[in-house]
C-alpha atoms as a PDB file:
ATOM      1  CA  MET A   1       0.006   0.175  -0.077  1.00  0.00           C
ATOM      2  CA  ALA A   2       1.235   3.452  -1.035  1.00  0.00           C
ATOM      3  CA  PRO A   3       2.106   5.815   1.596  1.00  0.00           C
ATOM      4  CA  LYS A   4      -0.025   8.554   2.767  1.00  0.00           C
ATOM      5  CA  VAL A   5       1.598  11.906   1.791  1.00  0.00           C
ATOM      6  CA  ASN A   6       0.730  15.592   3.394  1.00  0.00           C
ATOM      7  CA  VAL A   7      -0.686  17.576   0.600  1.00  0.00           C
ATOM      8  CA  LYS A   8      -0.238  20.643   2.601  1.00  0.00           C
ATOM      9  CA  GLU A   9       3.426  20.021   3.054  1.00  0.00           C
ATOM     10  CA  ARG A  10       3.535  19.799  -0.729  1.00  0.00           C
ATOM     11  CA  PHE A  11       1.800  22.850  -1.366  1.00  0.00           C
ATOM     12  CA  ASN A  12       3.417  25.926  -2.293  1.00  0.00           C
ATOM     13  CA  ASP A  13       2.402  29.463  -3.948  1.00  0.00           C
ATOM     14  CA  GLY A  14      -0.862  27.715  -5.917  1.00  0.00           C
ATOM     15  CA  GLU A  15       1.362  24.812  -6.956  1.00  0.00           C
ATOM     16  CA  ILE A  16       1.404  20.903  -5.606  1.00  0.00           C
ATOM     17  CA  ASP A  17       4.092  18.572  -6.485  1.00  0.00           C
ATOM     18  CA  LEU A  18       3.171  14.935  -5.698  1.00  0.00           C
ATOM     19  CA  SER A  19       5.410  13.727  -8.258  1.00  0.00           C
ATOM     20  CA  MET A  20       7.730  10.705  -7.217  1.00  0.00           C
ATOM     21  CA  SER A  21       5.787  10.054  -4.286  1.00  0.00           C
ATOM     22  CA  ASP A  22       4.571   6.288  -5.224  1.00  0.00           C
ATOM     23  CA  LEU A  23       1.061   7.183  -5.439  1.00  0.00           C
ATOM     24  CA  ASN A  24      -1.481   4.642  -6.801  1.00  0.00           C
ATOM     25  CA  ASP A  25      -4.525   7.244  -5.985  1.00  0.00           C
ATOM     26  CA  VAL A  26      -5.230  11.040  -6.110  1.00  0.00           C
ATOM     27  CA  PRO A  27      -5.759  12.595  -3.026  1.00  0.00           C
ATOM     28  CA  VAL A  28      -8.590  15.005  -4.542  1.00  0.00           C
ATOM     29  CA  LYS A  29     -10.338  15.511  -1.026  1.00  0.00           C
ATOM     30  CA  GLU A  30      -7.258  16.624   0.457  1.00  0.00           C
ATOM     31  CA  ILE A  31      -6.648  19.064  -2.860  1.00  0.00           C
ATOM     32  CA  LEU A  32      -9.699  20.917  -2.485  1.00  0.00           C
ATOM     33  CA  THR A  33      -8.886  21.835   0.775  1.00  0.00           C
ATOM     34  CA  LEU A  34      -6.237  23.948  -0.610  1.00  0.00           C
ATOM     35  CA  LYS A  35      -7.317  27.767  -2.317  1.00  0.00           C
ATOM     36  CA  ARG A  36      -6.039  28.940  -5.160  1.00  0.00           C
ATOM     37  CA  VAL A  37      -4.473  25.522  -6.688  1.00  0.00           C
ATOM     38  CA  TYR A  38      -3.444  26.539 -10.156  1.00  0.00           C
ATOM     39  CA  SER A  39      -0.828  23.781 -10.699  1.00  0.00           C
ATOM     40  CA  LEU A  40      -0.334  19.920  -9.870  1.00  0.00           C
ATOM     41  CA  ASP A  41       2.461  17.422 -10.549  1.00  0.00           C
ATOM     42  CA  LEU A  42       1.146  13.975  -9.948  1.00  0.00           C
ATOM     43  CA  SER A  43       4.406  12.539 -12.714  1.00  0.00           C
ATOM     44  CA  ASN A  44       6.384   9.415 -11.842  1.00  0.00           C
ATOM     45  CA  ASN A  45       3.837   7.544  -9.692  1.00  0.00           C
ATOM     46  CA  SER A  46       1.543   4.390 -10.185  1.00  0.00           C
ATOM     47  CA  LEU A  47      -1.636   5.821 -11.301  1.00  0.00           C
ATOM     48  CA  THR A  48      -3.695   3.679 -13.643  1.00  0.00           C
ATOM     49  CA  ARG A  49      -6.909   5.582 -13.288  1.00  0.00           C
ATOM     50  CA  LEU A  50      -7.930   9.189 -12.423  1.00  0.00           C
ATOM     51  CA  PRO A  51     -11.067   8.814  -9.467  1.00  0.00           C
ATOM     52  CA  LYS A  52     -14.378  10.222 -10.996  1.00  0.00           C
ATOM     53  CA  SER A  53     -13.802  13.059  -8.484  1.00  0.00           C
ATOM     54  CA  PHE A  54     -10.692  14.663 -10.240  1.00  0.00           C
ATOM     55  CA  SER A  55     -12.583  16.698 -12.826  1.00  0.00           C
ATOM     56  CA  THR A  56     -14.129  18.673  -9.805  1.00  0.00           C
ATOM     57  CA  LEU A  57     -10.504  20.517  -9.807  1.00  0.00           C
ATOM     58  CA  THR A  58     -11.513  22.877 -11.896  1.00  0.00           C
ATOM     59  CA  SER A  59      -9.082  25.733 -10.978  1.00  0.00           C
ATOM     60  CA  LEU A  60      -6.241  23.996 -12.328  1.00  0.00           C
ATOM     61  CA  SER A  61      -4.387  25.620 -15.358  1.00  0.00           C
ATOM     62  CA  VAL A  62      -1.077  23.248 -15.343  1.00  0.00           C
ATOM     63  CA  LEU A  63      -1.414  19.545 -14.744  1.00  0.00           C
ATOM     64  CA  ASP A  64       1.449  16.837 -15.178  1.00  0.00           C
ATOM     65  CA  LEU A  65       0.204  13.136 -15.489  1.00  0.00           C
ATOM     66  CA  SER A  66       3.422  12.127 -17.145  1.00  0.00           C
ATOM     67  CA  ARG A  67       4.925   8.547 -16.602  1.00  0.00           C
ATOM     68  CA  ASN A  68       2.164   6.988 -15.391  1.00  0.00           C
ATOM     69  CA  GLY A  69       0.000   3.998 -16.082  1.00  0.00           C
ATOM     70  CA  LEU A  70      -2.846   5.676 -16.962  1.00  0.00           C
ATOM     71  CA  LYS A  71      -5.399   3.461 -19.359  1.00  0.00           C
ATOM     72  CA  GLU A  72      -7.920   6.143 -19.692  1.00  0.00           C
ATOM     73  CA  LEU A  73      -8.942   9.262 -18.401  1.00  0.00           C
ATOM     74  CA  PRO A  74     -12.687  10.029 -16.785  1.00  0.00           C
ATOM     75  CA  GLU A  75     -15.425  11.087 -19.213  1.00  0.00           C
ATOM     76  CA  ASP A  76     -16.288  14.269 -17.875  1.00  0.00           C
ATOM     77  CA  PHE A  77     -12.408  15.449 -17.779  1.00  0.00           C
ATOM     78  CA  GLY A  78     -13.250  18.040 -20.111  1.00  0.00           C
ATOM     79  CA  ASN A  79     -14.820  19.970 -17.434  1.00  0.00           C
ATOM     80  CA  LEU A  80     -11.098  21.175 -16.234  1.00  0.00           C
ATOM     81  CA  ILE A  81     -11.898  23.879 -18.803  1.00  0.00           C
ATOM     82  CA  LYS A  82      -8.904  26.103 -17.292  1.00  0.00           C
ATOM     83  CA  LEU A  83      -5.942  23.983 -18.416  1.00  0.00           C
ATOM     84  CA  ARG A  84      -3.990  25.365 -20.353  1.00  0.00           C
ATOM     85  CA  HIS A  85      -0.824  22.923 -20.362  1.00  0.00           C
ATOM     86  CA  LEU A  86      -1.432  19.356 -19.882  1.00  0.00           C
ATOM     87  CA  ASP A  87       1.358  16.340 -20.312  1.00  0.00           C
ATOM     88  CA  LEU A  88       0.412  13.105 -20.703  1.00  0.00           C
ATOM     89  CA  TYR A  89       3.712  11.428 -21.761  1.00  0.00           C
ATOM     90  CA  ARG A  90       4.674   7.952 -21.389  1.00  0.00           C
ATOM     91  CA  ASN A  91       1.233   6.591 -20.250  1.00  0.00           C
ATOM     92  CA  GLN A  92      -1.062   3.819 -21.593  1.00  0.00           C
ATOM     93  CA  LEU A  93      -3.653   5.941 -23.260  1.00  0.00           C
ATOM     94  CA  GLN A  94      -5.555   4.465 -26.568  1.00  0.00           C
ATOM     95  CA  GLN A  95      -7.712   7.705 -26.685  1.00  0.00           C
ATOM     96  CA  LEU A  96      -9.301  10.304 -25.099  1.00  0.00           C
ATOM     97  CA  PRO A  97     -12.669  10.688 -23.603  1.00  0.00           C
ATOM     98  CA  LEU A  98     -15.082  13.278 -26.179  1.00  0.00           C
ATOM     99  CA  SER A  99     -15.386  16.037 -23.738  1.00  0.00           C
ATOM    100  CA  PHE A 100     -11.544  16.954 -24.757  1.00  0.00           C
ATOM    101  CA  SER A 101     -13.584  19.439 -26.961  1.00  0.00           C
ATOM    102  CA  LYS A 102     -14.168  21.360 -24.271  1.00  0.00           C
ATOM    103  CA  LEU A 103     -10.746  22.155 -23.334  1.00  0.00           C
ATOM    104  CA  LYS A 104     -10.732  25.198 -25.319  1.00  0.00           C
ATOM    105  CA  SER A 105      -8.012  27.255 -23.176  1.00  0.00           C
ATOM    106  CA  LEU A 106      -5.352  24.305 -23.882  1.00  0.00           C
ATOM    107  CA  LYS A 107      -2.791  25.624 -25.609  1.00  0.00           C
ATOM    108  CA  TRP A 108      -0.108  22.888 -24.670  1.00  0.00           C
ATOM    109  CA  LEU A 109      -0.044  18.879 -25.043  1.00  0.00           C
ATOM    110  CA  ASP A 110       2.362  16.000 -24.683  1.00  0.00           C
ATOM    111  CA  LEU A 111       0.951  13.037 -25.984  1.00  0.00           C
ATOM    112  CA  LYS A 112       4.426  10.866 -26.754  1.00  0.00           C
ATOM    113  CA  ASP A 113       4.846   7.095 -25.717  1.00  0.00           C
ATOM    114  CA  ASN A 114       1.178   6.418 -25.935  1.00  0.00           C
ATOM    115  CA  PRO A 115      -0.516   3.295 -27.522  1.00  0.00           C
ATOM    116  CA  LEU A 116      -2.982   5.826 -29.338  1.00  0.00           C
ATOM    117  CA  VAL A 117      -5.391   4.331 -31.742  1.00  0.00           C
ATOM    118  CA  PRO A 118      -4.084   5.448 -35.592  1.00  0.00           C
ATOM    119  CA  ALA A 119      -6.651   8.114 -36.108  1.00  0.00           C
ATOM    120  CA  VAL A 120      -5.703  10.373 -32.870  1.00  0.00           C
ATOM    121  CA  SER A 121      -2.201   9.212 -33.304  1.00  0.00           C
ATOM    122  CA  LYS A 122      -2.070  10.902 -36.820  1.00  0.00           C
ATOM    123  CA  VAL A 123      -3.961  14.261 -35.409  1.00  0.00           C
ATOM    124  CA  ALA A 124      -1.418  14.730 -32.162  1.00  0.00           C
ATOM    125  CA  GLY A 125       1.769  14.081 -34.130  1.00  0.00           C
ATOM    126  CA  LEU A 126       5.375  14.038 -32.405  1.00  0.00           C
ATOM    127  CA  CYS A 127       5.435  16.594 -29.457  1.00  0.00           C
ATOM    128  CA  ILE A 128       9.258  17.233 -29.982  1.00  0.00           C
ATOM    129  CA  ASP A 129       9.474  20.941 -29.244  1.00  0.00           C
ATOM    130  CA  THR A 130       7.337  23.684 -27.526  1.00  0.00           C
ATOM    131  CA  LYS A 131       5.726  24.410 -31.173  1.00  0.00           C
ATOM    132  CA  ALA A 132       4.893  21.039 -31.869  1.00  0.00           C
ATOM    133  CA  CYS A 133       3.197  20.420 -28.410  1.00  0.00           C
ATOM    134  CA  GLN A 134       1.172  23.300 -28.898  1.00  0.00           C
ATOM    135  CA  THR A 135       0.196  22.282 -32.359  1.00  0.00           C
ATOM    136  CA  CYS A 136      -1.029  19.197 -31.229  1.00  0.00           C
ATOM    137  CA  ALA A 137      -3.162  20.745 -28.421  1.00  0.00           C
ATOM    138  CA  LYS A 138      -4.785  22.708 -31.143  1.00  0.00           C
ATOM    139  CA  ASN A 139      -5.118  19.677 -33.246  1.00  0.00           C
ATOM    140  CA  ILE A 140      -6.528  17.598 -31.004  1.00  0.00           C
ATOM    141  CA  ILE A 141      -9.133  20.250 -29.644  1.00  0.00           C
ATOM    142  CA  ASP A 142     -10.263  20.561 -33.330  1.00  0.00           C
ATOM    143  CA  PHE A 143     -10.190  16.959 -33.553  1.00  0.00           C
ATOM    144  CA  TYR A 144     -12.241  16.087 -30.836  1.00  0.00           C
ATOM    145  CA  SER A 145     -14.708  19.175 -31.568  1.00  0.00           C
ATOM    146  CA  ARG A 146     -15.514  17.774 -34.932  1.00  0.00           C
ATOM    147  CA  LEU A 147     -16.063  14.182 -33.817  1.00  0.00           C
ATOM    148  CA  GLU A 148     -18.550  15.245 -31.002  1.00  0.00           C
ATOM    149  CA  SER A 149     -20.479  17.473 -33.670  1.00  0.00           C
ATOM    150  CA  GLN A 150     -20.488  14.357 -36.141  1.00  0.00           C
ATOM    151  CA  VAL A 151     -21.698  12.632 -32.438  1.00  0.00           C
ATOM    152  CA  ALA A 152     -24.397  15.013 -31.805  1.00  0.00           C
ATOM    153  CA  ALA A 153     -25.426  15.001 -35.582  1.00  0.00           C
ATOM    154  CA  GLU A 154     -25.503  11.191 -35.544  1.00  0.00           C
ATOM    155  CA  LEU A 155     -27.621  10.872 -32.050  1.00  0.00           C
ATOM    156  CA  GLU A 156     -30.148  13.730 -33.743  1.00  0.00           C
ATOM    157  CA  MET A 157     -30.503  11.732 -36.599  1.00  0.00           C
ATOM    158  CA  ARG A 158     -30.803   8.371 -34.964  1.00  0.00           C
ATOM    159  CA  ASN A 159     -33.700  10.260 -32.237  1.00  0.00           C
ATOM    160  CA  ARG A 160     -35.451  11.747 -35.734  1.00  0.00           C
ATOM    161  CA  ASP A 161     -35.644   8.200 -37.493  1.00  0.00           C
ATOM    162  CA  ARG A 162     -36.923   6.556 -34.275  1.00  0.00           C
ATOM    163  CA  GLN A 163     -39.425   9.238 -33.368  1.00  0.00           C
ATOM    164  CA  LYS A 164     -40.591   8.786 -37.128  1.00  0.00           C
ATOM    165  CA  GLN A 165     -40.632   5.181 -36.723  1.00  0.00           C
ATOM    166  CA  LEU A 166     -42.889   5.795 -33.458  1.00  0.00           C
ATOM    167  CA  GLU A 167     -45.048   7.997 -35.219  1.00  0.00           C
ATOM    168  CA  PHE A 168     -45.493   5.612 -38.591  1.00  0.00           C
ATOM    169  CA  ASN A 169     -45.999   2.467 -35.794  1.00  0.00           C
ATOM    170  CA  GLN A 170     -48.783   4.507 -34.435  1.00  0.00           C
ATOM    171  CA  LYS A 171     -50.279   5.583 -37.320  1.00  0.00           C
ATOM    172  CA  LYS A 172     -50.456   2.068 -38.589  1.00  0.00           C
ATOM    173  CA  LYS A 173     -52.111   0.590 -35.403  1.00  0.00           C
ATOM    174  CA  GLN A 174     -54.693   3.428 -36.100  1.00  0.00           C
ATOM    175  CA  GLU A 175     -55.414   2.296 -39.567  1.00  0.00           C
ATOM    176  CA  GLU A 176     -55.700  -1.399 -38.367  1.00  0.00           C
ATOM    177  CA  LYS A 177     -58.340  -0.357 -35.460  1.00  0.00           C
ATOM    178  CA  LYS A 178     -60.068   1.767 -38.255  1.00  0.00           C
ATOM    179  CA  GLU A 179     -60.205  -1.617 -40.464  1.00  0.00           C
ATOM    180  CA  MET A 180     -61.363  -3.847 -37.702  1.00  0.00           C
ATOM    181  CA  LYS A 181     -63.910  -1.526 -36.884  1.00  0.00           C
ATOM    182  CA  LYS A 182     -64.970  -1.604 -40.528  1.00  0.00           C
ATOM    183  CA  GLN A 183     -65.048  -5.112 -40.913  1.00  0.00           C
ATOM    184  CA  LYS A 184     -66.957  -5.714 -37.795  1.00  0.00           C
ATOM    185  CA  HIS A 185     -69.708  -3.206 -39.284  1.00  0.00           C
ATOM    186  CA  LYS A 186     -69.733  -5.406 -42.384  1.00  0.00           C
ATOM    187  CA  GLU A 187     -70.099  -8.624 -40.484  1.00  0.00           C
ATOM    188  CA  LYS A 188     -73.431  -7.111 -38.256  1.00  0.00           C
ATOM    189  CA  LYS A 189     -74.863  -6.134 -41.458  1.00  0.00           C
ATOM    190  CA  ASN A 190     -74.240  -9.430 -43.157  1.00  0.00           C
ATOM    191  CA  THR A 191     -75.702 -11.232 -40.457  1.00  0.00           C
ATOM    192  CA  PRO A 192     -78.995 -12.627 -40.622  1.00  0.00           C
ATOM    193  CA  LYS A 193     -81.488 -11.863 -37.786  1.00  0.00           C
ATOM    194  CA  SER A 194     -82.206 -15.958 -37.721  1.00  0.00           C
ATOM    195  CA  SER A 195     -78.622 -16.591 -37.169  1.00  0.00           C
ATOM    196  CA  GLU A 196     -78.535 -14.700 -33.764  1.00  0.00           C
ATOM    197  CA  PRO A 197     -78.058 -16.843 -30.542  1.00  0.00           C
ATOM    198  CA  LYS A 198     -80.745 -17.915 -28.869  1.00  0.00           C
ATOM    199  CA  LYS A 199     -81.040 -16.576 -25.441  1.00  0.00           C
ATOM    200  CA  ALA A 200     -81.084 -20.083 -23.948  1.00  0.00           C
ATOM    201  CA  ASP A 201     -77.650 -20.975 -25.932  1.00  0.00           C
ATOM    202  CA  VAL A 202     -76.208 -17.625 -24.371  1.00  0.00           C
ATOM    203  CA  GLU A 203     -77.475 -18.738 -21.054  1.00  0.00           C
ATOM    204  CA  LYS A 204     -75.555 -21.635 -21.313  1.00  0.00           C
ATOM    205  CA  VAL A 205     -72.376 -20.351 -22.366  1.00  0.00           C
ATOM    206  CA  ASN A 206     -72.450 -17.446 -19.557  1.00  0.00           C
ATOM    207  CA  ILE A 207     -72.758 -20.655 -17.167  1.00  0.00           C
ATOM    208  CA  VAL A 208     -69.896 -22.492 -18.668  1.00  0.00           C
ATOM    209  CA  LYS A 209     -67.850 -19.415 -18.493  1.00  0.00           C
ATOM    210  CA  SER A 210     -68.589 -18.597 -14.856  1.00  0.00           C
ATOM    211  CA  LYS A 211     -67.833 -22.012 -13.830  1.00  0.00           C
ATOM    212  CA  ASP A 212     -64.436 -21.511 -15.808  1.00  0.00           C
ATOM    213  CA  VAL A 213     -63.850 -18.226 -14.193  1.00  0.00           C
ATOM    214  CA  LYS A 214     -64.791 -19.944 -10.523  1.00  0.00           C
ATOM    215  CA  VAL A 215     -62.477 -22.971 -11.231  1.00  0.00           C
ATOM    216  CA  GLU A 216     -59.908 -20.158 -12.343  1.00  0.00           C
ATOM    217  CA  LYS A 217     -60.181 -18.034  -9.248  1.00  0.00           C
ATOM    218  CA  LYS A 218     -59.771 -20.797  -7.022  1.00  0.00           C
ATOM    219  CA  SER A 219     -56.544 -22.088  -8.694  1.00  0.00           C
ATOM    220  CA  ARG A 220     -55.332 -18.378  -8.243  1.00  0.00           C
ATOM    221  CA  SER A 221     -56.312 -17.977  -4.833  1.00  0.00           C
ATOM    222  CA  PHE A 222     -54.686 -21.135  -4.065  1.00  0.00           C
ATOM    223  CA  PHE A 223     -51.481 -20.212  -5.671  1.00  0.00           C
ATOM    224  CA  ALA A 224     -51.694 -16.847  -4.220  1.00  0.00           C
ATOM    225  CA  SER A 225     -51.943 -18.317  -0.755  1.00  0.00           C
ATOM    226  CA  VAL A 226     -49.083 -20.882  -1.692  1.00  0.00           C
ATOM    227  CA  LEU A 227     -47.015 -17.512  -1.997  1.00  0.00           C
ATOM    228  CA  LYS A 228     -48.020 -15.604   0.612  1.00  0.00           C
ATOM    229  CA  LEU A 229     -47.175 -18.695   2.750  1.00  0.00           C
ATOM    230  CA  PHE A 230     -44.110 -18.908   1.059  1.00  0.00           C
ATOM    231  CA  PHE A 231     -43.038 -14.928   1.340  1.00  0.00           C
ATOM    232  CA  LEU A 232     -44.259 -15.378   5.241  1.00  0.00           C
ATOM    233  CA  VAL A 233     -41.794 -17.811   5.990  1.00  0.00           C
ATOM    234  CA  LEU A 234     -39.202 -16.077   4.372  1.00  0.00           C
ATOM    235  CA  SER A 235     -39.702 -13.124   5.972  1.00  0.00           C
ATOM    236  CA  VAL A 236     -39.653 -15.029   9.384  1.00  0.00           C
ATOM    237  CA  TYR A 237     -36.483 -16.424   8.622  1.00  0.00           C
ATOM    238  CA  LEU A 238     -34.873 -13.011   7.422  1.00  0.00           C
ATOM    239  CA  SER A 239     -36.058 -11.441  10.562  1.00  0.00           C
ATOM    240  CA  TYR A 240     -34.733 -14.434  12.819  1.00  0.00           C
ATOM    241  CA  VAL A 241     -30.973 -13.882  10.612  1.00  0.00           C
ATOM    242  CA  PHE A 242     -30.975 -10.231  10.761  1.00  0.00           C
ATOM    243  CA  ILE A 243     -31.644 -10.572  15.029  1.00  0.00           C
ATOM    244  CA  LYS A 244     -29.054 -12.918  15.249  1.00  0.00           C
ATOM    245  CA  VAL A 245     -26.432 -10.684  13.443  1.00  0.00           C
ATOM    246  CA  LYS A 246     -27.587  -7.362  14.740  1.00  0.00           C
ATOM    247  CA  ASN A 247     -24.596  -6.988  16.848  1.00  0.00           C
ATOM    248  CA  ALA A 248     -21.870  -7.740  13.985  1.00  0.00           C
ATOM    249  CA  GLU A 249     -20.248  -5.546  12.434  1.00  0.00           C
ATOM    250  CA  ASP A 250     -20.850  -5.624   8.757  1.00  0.00           C
ATOM    251  CA  ILE A 251     -24.537  -6.902   9.310  1.00  0.00           C
ATOM    252  CA  ILE A 252     -25.205  -7.436   5.393  1.00  0.00           C
ATOM    253  CA  SER A 253     -22.254  -9.724   5.064  1.00  0.00           C
ATOM    254  CA  SER A 254     -22.794 -11.628   8.441  1.00  0.00           C
ATOM    255  CA  ALA A 255     -26.368 -12.224   7.525  1.00  0.00           C
ATOM    256  CA  ARG A 256     -25.547 -13.104   3.533  1.00  0.00           C
ATOM    257  CA  ALA A 257     -22.895 -15.446   5.079  1.00  0.00           C
ATOM    258  CA  MET A 258     -25.253 -17.015   7.394  1.00  0.00           C
ATOM    259  CA  VAL A 259     -28.245 -17.543   4.752  1.00  0.00           C
ATOM    260  CA  ILE A 260     -25.192 -19.192   2.642  1.00  0.00           C
ATOM    261  CA  ASP A 261     -24.749 -21.543   5.886  1.00  0.00           C
ATOM    262  CA  ASP A 262     -28.289 -22.068   6.199  1.00  0.00           C
ATOM    263  CA  TYR A 263     -28.492 -22.725   2.878  1.00  0.00           C
ATOM    264  CA  PHE A 264     -25.823 -25.631   2.363  1.00  0.00           C
ATOM    265  CA  LYS A 265     -26.803 -27.245   5.776  1.00  0.00           C
ATOM    266  CA  VAL A 266     -30.429 -27.595   4.350  1.00  0.00           C
ATOM    267  CA  LEU A 267     -28.808 -29.059   1.157  1.00  0.00           C
ATOM    268  CA  SER A 268     -26.665 -31.207   3.112  1.00  0.00           C
ATOM    269  CA  VAL A 269     -29.929 -32.722   5.188  1.00  0.00           C
ATOM    270  CA  SER A 270     -31.943 -32.591   1.911  1.00  0.00           C
ATOM    271  CA  GLN A 271     -29.687 -34.884  -0.019  1.00  0.00           C
ATOM    272  CA  VAL A 272     -29.286 -37.171   3.531  1.00  0.00           C
ATOM    273  CA  TRP A 273     -32.900 -37.323   3.424  1.00  0.00           C
ATOM    274  CA  TRP A 274     -33.218 -38.020  -0.226  1.00  0.00           C
ATOM    275  CA  LYS A 275     -30.650 -41.258   0.143  1.00  0.00           C
ATOM    276  CA  GLU A 276     -32.751 -42.391   3.393  1.00  0.00           C
ATOM    277  CA  PHE A 277     -36.114 -42.007   1.137  1.00  0.00           C
ATOM    278  CA  LEU A 278     -34.541 -44.178  -1.715  1.00  0.00           C
ATOM    279  CA  ILE A 279     -33.510 -46.825   0.782  1.00  0.00           C
ATOM    280  CA  VAL A 280     -36.833 -47.161   2.238  1.00  0.00           C
ATOM    281  CA  SER A 281     -38.765 -46.822  -0.932  1.00  0.00           C
ATOM    282  CA  LYS A 282     -36.748 -49.663  -1.879  1.00  0.00           C
ATOM    283  CA  VAL A 283     -37.710 -51.975   0.935  1.00  0.00           C
ATOM    284  CA  TRP A 284     -41.172 -50.627   0.754  1.00  0.00           C
ATOM    285  CA  TRP A 285     -41.453 -51.665  -3.031  1.00  0.00           C
ATOM    286  CA  LYS A 286     -39.451 -55.059  -2.106  1.00  0.00           C
ATOM    287  CA  GLU A 287     -41.875 -55.724   0.611  1.00  0.00           C
ATOM    288  CA  PHE A 288     -45.303 -54.843  -1.437  1.00  0.00           C
ATOM    289  CA  LEU A 289     -43.698 -57.324  -4.639  1.00  0.00           C
ATOM    290  CA  ILE A 290     -43.654 -60.041  -2.013  1.00  0.00           C
ATOM    291  CA  VAL A 291     -47.133 -59.292  -0.470  1.00  0.00           C
ATOM    292  CA  SER A 292     -48.675 -58.972  -3.820  1.00  0.00           C
ATOM    293  CA  GLU A 293     -47.411 -62.211  -5.050  1.00  0.00           C
ATOM    294  CA  VAL A 294     -48.455 -64.186  -2.060  1.00  0.00           C
ATOM    295  CA  TRP A 295     -52.195 -62.416  -2.395  1.00  0.00           C
ATOM    296  CA  ARG A 296     -51.822 -63.585  -6.054  1.00  0.00           C
ATOM    297  CA  LYS A 297     -51.535 -67.009  -4.922  1.00  0.00           C
ATOM    298  CA  GLU A 298     -54.097 -66.891  -2.341  1.00  0.00           C
ATOM    299  CA  PHE A 299     -56.222 -65.598  -4.699  1.00  0.00           C
ATOM    300  CA  LEU A 300     -55.964 -68.342  -7.347  1.00  0.00           C
ATOM    301  CA  VAL A 301     -56.181 -71.139  -4.966  1.00  0.00           C
ATOM    302  CA  VAL A 302     -59.419 -69.572  -3.319  1.00  0.00           C
ATOM    303  CA  SER A 303     -60.778 -68.955  -6.860  1.00  0.00           C
ATOM    304  CA  GLN A 304     -60.259 -72.507  -7.993  1.00  0.00           C
ATOM    305  CA  VAL A 305     -62.210 -73.839  -4.597  1.00  0.00           C
ATOM    306  CA  TRP A 306     -64.682 -70.869  -5.543  1.00  0.00           C
ATOM    307  CA  TRP A 307     -64.890 -72.242  -8.959  1.00  0.00           C
ATOM    308  CA  LYS A 308     -65.172 -76.286  -8.378  1.00  0.00           C
ATOM    309  CA  GLN A 309     -68.015 -75.330  -5.734  1.00  0.00           C
ATOM    310  CA  PHE A 310     -69.590 -73.307  -8.290  1.00  0.00           C
ATOM    311  CA  LEU A 311     -69.588 -76.126 -10.998  1.00  0.00           C
ATOM    312  CA  ASP A 312     -70.715 -78.688  -8.202  1.00  0.00           C
ATOM    313  CA  VAL A 313     -73.789 -76.556  -7.268  1.00  0.00           C
ATOM    314  CA  SER A 314     -74.594 -75.781 -10.809  1.00  0.00           C
ATOM    315  CA  GLN A 315     -74.326 -79.657 -11.642  1.00  0.00           C
ATOM    316  CA  ALA A 316     -76.980 -80.291  -9.039  1.00  0.00           C
ATOM    317  CA  LEU A 317     -79.055 -77.643  -9.715  1.00  0.00           C
ATOM    318  CA  TRP A 318     -79.140 -78.881 -13.634  1.00  0.00           C
ATOM    319  CA  LYS A 319     -79.835 -82.705 -12.252  1.00  0.00           C
ATOM    320  CA  ILE A 320     -82.681 -81.474 -10.611  1.00  0.00           C
ATOM    321  CA  THR A 321     -84.356 -79.778 -12.922  1.00  0.00           C
ATOM    322  CA  ARG A 322     -83.856 -82.493 -15.695  1.00  0.00           C
ATOM    323  CA  ASN A 323     -85.541 -84.761 -13.268  1.00  0.00           C
ATOM    324  CA  TYR A 324     -88.355 -82.375 -12.228  1.00  0.00           C
ATOM    325  CA  VAL A 325     -89.052 -81.714 -16.360  1.00  0.00           C
ATOM    326  CA  HIS A 326     -88.551 -85.937 -16.833  1.00  0.00           C
ATOM    327  CA  GLU A 327     -91.158 -86.463 -13.836  1.00  0.00           C
ATOM    328  CA  PHE A 328     -93.433 -84.014 -15.223  1.00  0.00           C
ATOM    329  CA  TYR A 329     -93.410 -85.035 -18.726  1.00  0.00           C
ATOM    330  CA  ASN A 330     -93.920 -88.778 -17.884  1.00  0.00           C
ATOM    331  CA  ASN A 331     -97.268 -87.966 -15.887  1.00  0.00           C
ATOM    332  CA  TYR A 332     -98.487 -85.481 -18.420  1.00  0.00           C
ATOM    333  CA  ALA A 333     -97.873 -88.312 -21.176  1.00  0.00           C
ATOM    334  CA  GLY A 334     -99.723 -91.001 -18.843  1.00  0.00           C
ATOM    335  CA  ASN A 335    -102.923 -88.911 -18.589  1.00  0.00           C
END
């Protein structure tokens, strides 16, 4: 971790020199406490990014960020409108923010030894002397001003096209509605009176619909009850969790850790329960198969006995009937 720097000790007559301080962040708050700061030297540090609040240092007219590892500048970097001298030598910048177009006061700019994209690199040129750095500043500001105008024009064109598309869609919907109304009106005219549904049929349809609605309402109410119960249990559980961790330093982290721990506990217990259920279900299934086989055999034995009894009874009844008919016939023939 980089050592803390006493900014006040480095402040002298409007200038702050924080070069070669092994900084990996800019102490913006400390700088803002000082009055009339116009020059800031942050060269030869370990900066890879600038904080979002950096653009609040609007009093700066001289800024040295050379020999760092900056990969990008904040999007609102252009708010430093008083900048006249900007040194970005030997960083890792590939492009600059579009807000660079606002730096109208910039008179000197060094972008050497940065992996700039070809378009920006060509505009920047080589800052080998004061005149070249002045030309670099002018060309870069002009380039980003034109680029901003192009982007604004393109955005305006896109917004215009989007608005046209919305209007077209709205007009199309209105035309479709009108067409549907016309079609319905034609259908009403062409439909004969005899084809109108009877009151009884309408009532039947309404009854069926009301039944369907009732069933749907019941299913919805059941689902809503289940959902309410779920959220009630969840809220009770979360209340319990926050009560348990109320004395912790970081309540949210402690609560999250407790919830995750409980989740894994439930998961492990459910896995054990599932294994036990599988074992028990296998045992139950085997017992069921054995019992069903016993029942099947007993049923076969009993059914055979019943069948034999049924055959015996039916044969006896047949003999009795046959004898009775035979006697009746003999008596009738003898007379």
